[in-house]
Amino acid sequence: MHLGRATDIALRILMLASARREQVTIDGLAQSLNVPRNHVAKVVQRLQHQGWVRTSRGRGGGLTVAETTLELSVGLIVRHFEGPGEVVDCNGPPCPLRSACRLRNALRTAQEAFFASLDQVLLRDLLADPTGATLLALT
C-alpha cells in the first residue's frame, strides 16, 4: 500500500507542529519539511476542518495543534486522508474475475490489518526521541 502525498504531509505537519508546542507558520512548515507551500496550505485546511489544528490569520498568525489531537491514532489520520477506498478497484473498468475472485478479499484483509496496526500508534507516540529531538532541530 502506498500512502498519498497529502497523507504524508499531514502526518509530518502534525508531528512537527506537535513537537514544537508553539505556533508555526505555513511558510515555516513548508521550509522545514521541504514541501511546496501550496501543498502545506491545502493540507492545513483539511486538518483545521477536522479540528485537529487551530489556525489564526494575519500578522503573527499560524497554526497550533489541538491538545486532543495528540491522542489521535495514526490509523484515524491515515483513513481520513486516504478515504474509504480499497487497495484495488475491481469496478472501474469492471474486472471479469470479480464474481469469483479471492484476491480482493485477501487485499481487503491485508488493508484492515494495516489500519489495525496503525490504530495502535498515537500521534503522541511519534514524538518520542530520537524523532522528537530531530523534529525540534529542523529549521
C-alpha atoms as a PDB file:
ATOM      1  CA  MET A   1       0.000   0.000   0.000  1.00  0.00           C
ATOM      2  CA  HIS A   2       1.245   3.452  -0.884  1.00  0.00           C
ATOM      3  CA  LEU A   3       0.118   6.500   1.083  1.00  0.00           C
ATOM      4  CA  GLY A   4      -0.787   9.603  -0.863  1.00  0.00           C
ATOM      5  CA  ARG A   5       1.280  12.774  -0.714  1.00  0.00           C
ATOM      6  CA  ALA A   6      -1.363  14.631   1.338  1.00  0.00           C
ATOM      7  CA  THR A   7      -1.346  11.876   3.973  1.00  0.00           C
ATOM      8  CA  ASP A   8       2.433  12.017   4.230  1.00  0.00           C
ATOM      9  CA  ILE A   9       2.417  15.810   4.545  1.00  0.00           C
ATOM     10  CA  ALA A  10      -0.395  15.742   7.116  1.00  0.00           C
ATOM     11  CA  LEU A  11       1.453  13.315   9.355  1.00  0.00           C
ATOM     12  CA  ARG A  12       4.672  15.329   9.127  1.00  0.00           C
ATOM     13  CA  ILE A  13       2.858  18.624   9.816  1.00  0.00           C
ATOM     14  CA  LEU A  14       1.149  17.161  12.870  1.00  0.00           C
ATOM     15  CA  MET A  15       4.410  15.692  14.147  1.00  0.00           C
ATOM     16  CA  LEU A  16       6.437  18.870  13.668  1.00  0.00           C
ATOM     17  CA  ALA A  17       3.805  21.254  14.991  1.00  0.00           C
ATOM     18  CA  SER A  18       3.161  18.968  17.992  1.00  0.00           C
ATOM     19  CA  ALA A  19       6.853  18.701  18.826  1.00  0.00           C
ATOM     20  CA  ARG A  20       7.317  22.474  18.668  1.00  0.00           C
ATOM     21  CA  ARG A  21       4.377  23.106  21.029  1.00  0.00           C
ATOM     22  CA  GLU A  22       4.157  26.644  19.728  1.00  0.00           C
ATOM     23  CA  GLN A  23       2.502  28.391  16.842  1.00  0.00           C
ATOM     24  CA  VAL A  24       4.096  27.604  13.484  1.00  0.00           C
ATOM     25  CA  THR A  25       3.517  29.216  10.114  1.00  0.00           C
ATOM     26  CA  ILE A  26       2.711  27.583   6.814  1.00  0.00           C
ATOM     27  CA  ASP A  27       5.883  29.067   5.357  1.00  0.00           C
ATOM     28  CA  GLY A  28       7.904  27.705   8.255  1.00  0.00           C
ATOM     29  CA  LEU A  29       6.369  24.258   7.874  1.00  0.00           C
ATOM     30  CA  ALA A  30       6.975  24.252   4.131  1.00  0.00           C
ATOM     31  CA  GLN A  31      10.614  25.177   4.627  1.00  0.00           C
ATOM     32  CA  SER A  32      11.231  22.753   7.498  1.00  0.00           C
ATOM     33  CA  LEU A  33       9.550  19.839   5.736  1.00  0.00           C
ATOM     34  CA  ASN A  34      10.880  20.713   2.263  1.00  0.00           C
ATOM     35  CA  VAL A  35       7.368  20.661   0.818  1.00  0.00           C
ATOM     36  CA  PRO A  36       5.790  23.235  -1.530  1.00  0.00           C
ATOM     37  CA  ARG A  37       3.899  25.938   0.365  1.00  0.00           C
ATOM     38  CA  ASN A  38       0.648  25.405  -1.549  1.00  0.00           C
ATOM     39  CA  HIS A  39       0.640  21.696  -0.600  1.00  0.00           C
ATOM     40  CA  VAL A  40       1.130  22.584   3.063  1.00  0.00           C
ATOM     41  CA  ALA A  41      -1.675  25.173   2.885  1.00  0.00           C
ATOM     42  CA  LYS A  42      -4.141  22.668   1.395  1.00  0.00           C
ATOM     43  CA  VAL A  43      -3.329  20.031   3.993  1.00  0.00           C
ATOM     44  CA  VAL A  44      -3.548  22.561   6.830  1.00  0.00           C
ATOM     45  CA  GLN A  45      -7.049  23.484   5.617  1.00  0.00           C
ATOM     46  CA  ARG A  46      -8.117  19.853   5.879  1.00  0.00           C
ATOM     47  CA  LEU A  47      -6.515  19.486   9.314  1.00  0.00           C
ATOM     48  CA  GLN A  48      -8.236  22.664  10.502  1.00  0.00           C
ATOM     49  CA  HIS A  49     -11.584  21.499   9.127  1.00  0.00           C
ATOM     50  CA  GLN A  50     -11.263  18.337  11.253  1.00  0.00           C
ATOM     51  CA  GLY A  51     -10.456  20.447  14.313  1.00  0.00           C
ATOM     52  CA  TRP A  52      -7.017  18.859  14.630  1.00  0.00           C
ATOM     53  CA  VAL A  53      -5.222  22.200  14.338  1.00  0.00           C
ATOM     54  CA  ARG A  54      -6.217  25.738  15.220  1.00  0.00           C
ATOM     55  CA  THR A  55      -5.322  28.488  12.799  1.00  0.00           C
ATOM     56  CA  SER A  56      -5.089  32.248  13.051  1.00  0.00           C
ATOM     57  CA  ARG A  57      -4.668  34.730  10.233  1.00  0.00           C
ATOM     58  CA  GLY A  58      -2.750  37.911   9.808  1.00  0.00           C
ATOM     59  CA  ARG A  59       0.468  39.195  11.282  1.00  0.00           C
ATOM     60  CA  GLY A  60       1.625  36.739  13.901  1.00  0.00           C
ATOM     61  CA  GLY A  61      -0.757  34.098  12.536  1.00  0.00           C
ATOM     62  CA  GLY A  62      -0.112  30.433  12.126  1.00  0.00           C
ATOM     63  CA  LEU A  63      -1.306  27.136  13.480  1.00  0.00           C
ATOM     64  CA  THR A  64      -1.154  25.132  16.660  1.00  0.00           C
ATOM     65  CA  VAL A  65      -2.069  21.527  17.250  1.00  0.00           C
ATOM     66  CA  ALA A  66      -5.078  20.967  19.487  1.00  0.00           C
ATOM     67  CA  GLU A  67      -4.107  19.081  22.650  1.00  0.00           C
ATOM     68  CA  THR A  68      -6.668  16.355  21.911  1.00  0.00           C
ATOM     69  CA  THR A  69      -5.011  15.748  18.541  1.00  0.00           C
ATOM     70  CA  LEU A  70      -2.050  14.145  20.308  1.00  0.00           C
ATOM     71  CA  GLU A  71      -4.388  11.321  21.335  1.00  0.00           C
ATOM     72  CA  LEU A  72      -5.483  10.518  17.765  1.00  0.00           C
ATOM     73  CA  SER A  73      -4.393   7.236  16.283  1.00  0.00           C
ATOM     74  CA  VAL A  74      -2.249   7.332  13.200  1.00  0.00           C
ATOM     75  CA  GLY A  75      -4.780   4.942  11.664  1.00  0.00           C
ATOM     76  CA  LEU A  76      -7.567   7.500  12.054  1.00  0.00           C
ATOM     77  CA  ILE A  77      -5.473  10.230  10.444  1.00  0.00           C
ATOM     78  CA  VAL A  78      -4.453   7.998   7.549  1.00  0.00           C
ATOM     79  CA  ARG A  79      -8.044   6.826   6.993  1.00  0.00           C
ATOM     80  CA  HIS A  80      -9.216  10.437   6.866  1.00  0.00           C
ATOM     81  CA  PHE A  81      -6.688  11.399   4.200  1.00  0.00           C
ATOM     82  CA  GLU A  82      -6.760   8.176   2.203  1.00  0.00           C
ATOM     83  CA  GLY A  83     -10.525   7.775   2.200  1.00  0.00           C
ATOM     84  CA  PRO A  84     -12.606   4.603   2.321  1.00  0.00           C
ATOM     85  CA  GLY A  85     -11.320   3.047  -0.897  1.00  0.00           C
ATOM     86  CA  GLU A  86      -9.851  -0.393  -1.304  1.00  0.00           C
ATOM     87  CA  VAL A  87      -6.336  -1.247  -2.428  1.00  0.00           C
ATOM     88  CA  VAL A  88      -7.645  -2.293  -5.850  1.00  0.00           C
ATOM     89  CA  ASP A  89     -10.616  -1.026  -7.830  1.00  0.00           C
ATOM     90  CA  CYS A  90     -12.458  -4.032  -9.173  1.00  0.00           C
ATOM     91  CA  ASN A  91     -15.295  -1.987 -10.663  1.00  0.00           C
ATOM     92  CA  GLY A  92     -13.721   0.521 -12.976  1.00  0.00           C
ATOM     93  CA  PRO A  93     -13.344  -0.891 -15.501  1.00  0.00           C
ATOM     94  CA  PRO A  94     -15.195  -3.973 -14.275  1.00  0.00           C
ATOM     95  CA  CYS A  95     -12.862  -6.907 -13.731  1.00  0.00           C
ATOM     96  CA  PRO A  96     -14.062 -10.153 -15.311  1.00  0.00           C
ATOM     97  CA  LEU A  97     -12.880 -12.079 -12.223  1.00  0.00           C
ATOM     98  CA  ARG A  98     -14.784 -10.067  -9.623  1.00  0.00           C
ATOM     99  CA  SER A  99     -17.623 -12.554  -9.114  1.00  0.00           C
ATOM    100  CA  ALA A 100     -15.205 -15.375  -8.189  1.00  0.00           C
ATOM    101  CA  CYS A 101     -12.056 -13.530  -7.143  1.00  0.00           C
ATOM    102  CA  ARG A 102     -10.231 -14.354  -3.939  1.00  0.00           C
ATOM    103  CA  LEU A 103      -7.599 -11.652  -4.393  1.00  0.00           C
ATOM    104  CA  ARG A 104      -9.944  -8.797  -3.497  1.00  0.00           C
ATOM    105  CA  ASN A 105     -10.820 -10.367  -0.148  1.00  0.00           C
ATOM    106  CA  ALA A 106      -7.149 -11.106   0.609  1.00  0.00           C
ATOM    107  CA  LEU A 107      -6.202  -7.495  -0.150  1.00  0.00           C
ATOM    108  CA  ARG A 108      -9.111  -6.188   1.935  1.00  0.00           C
ATOM    109  CA  THR A 109      -7.951  -8.326   4.870  1.00  0.00           C
ATOM    110  CA  ALA A 110      -4.386  -7.031   4.479  1.00  0.00           C
ATOM    111  CA  GLN A 111      -5.619  -3.431   4.348  1.00  0.00           C
ATOM    112  CA  GLU A 112      -7.652  -3.928   7.530  1.00  0.00           C
ATOM    113  CA  ALA A 113      -4.564  -5.390   9.244  1.00  0.00           C
ATOM    114  CA  PHE A 114      -2.530  -2.379   8.077  1.00  0.00           C
ATOM    115  CA  PHE A 115      -5.023   0.039   9.631  1.00  0.00           C
ATOM    116  CA  ALA A 116      -5.383  -2.072  12.784  1.00  0.00           C
ATOM    117  CA  SER A 117      -1.628  -1.816  13.244  1.00  0.00           C
ATOM    118  CA  LEU A 118      -1.698   1.976  12.770  1.00  0.00           C
ATOM    119  CA  ASP A 119      -4.624   2.238  15.187  1.00  0.00           C
ATOM    120  CA  GLN A 120      -2.240   1.104  17.938  1.00  0.00           C
ATOM    121  CA  VAL A 121       0.026   4.127  17.402  1.00  0.00           C
ATOM    122  CA  LEU A 122      -0.977   7.544  18.736  1.00  0.00           C
ATOM    123  CA  LEU A 123       0.347  10.806  17.340  1.00  0.00           C
ATOM    124  CA  ARG A 124       1.911  11.366  20.769  1.00  0.00           C
ATOM    125  CA  ASP A 125       3.930   8.140  20.315  1.00  0.00           C
ATOM    126  CA  LEU A 126       5.582   9.528  17.186  1.00  0.00           C
ATOM    127  CA  LEU A 127       7.151  12.374  19.160  1.00  0.00           C
ATOM    128  CA  ALA A 128       9.356  10.213  21.372  1.00  0.00           C
ATOM    129  CA  ASP A 129      13.125  10.545  20.955  1.00  0.00           C
ATOM    130  CA  PRO A 130      15.020  10.283  18.736  1.00  0.00           C
ATOM    131  CA  THR A 131      12.245  11.582  16.456  1.00  0.00           C
ATOM    132  CA  GLY A 132      11.211  14.370  18.841  1.00  0.00           C
ATOM    133  CA  ALA A 133      14.743  15.747  19.046  1.00  0.00           C
ATOM    134  CA  THR A 134      15.111  15.587  15.268  1.00  0.00           C
ATOM    135  CA  LEU A 135      11.813  17.424  14.775  1.00  0.00           C
ATOM    136  CA  LEU A 136      12.933  20.190  17.121  1.00  0.00           C
ATOM    137  CA  ALA A 137      16.215  20.526  15.245  1.00  0.00           C
ATOM    138  CA  LEU A 138      14.500  21.215  11.899  1.00  0.00           C
ATOM    139  CA  THR A 139      14.705  24.830  10.831  1.00  0.00           C
END
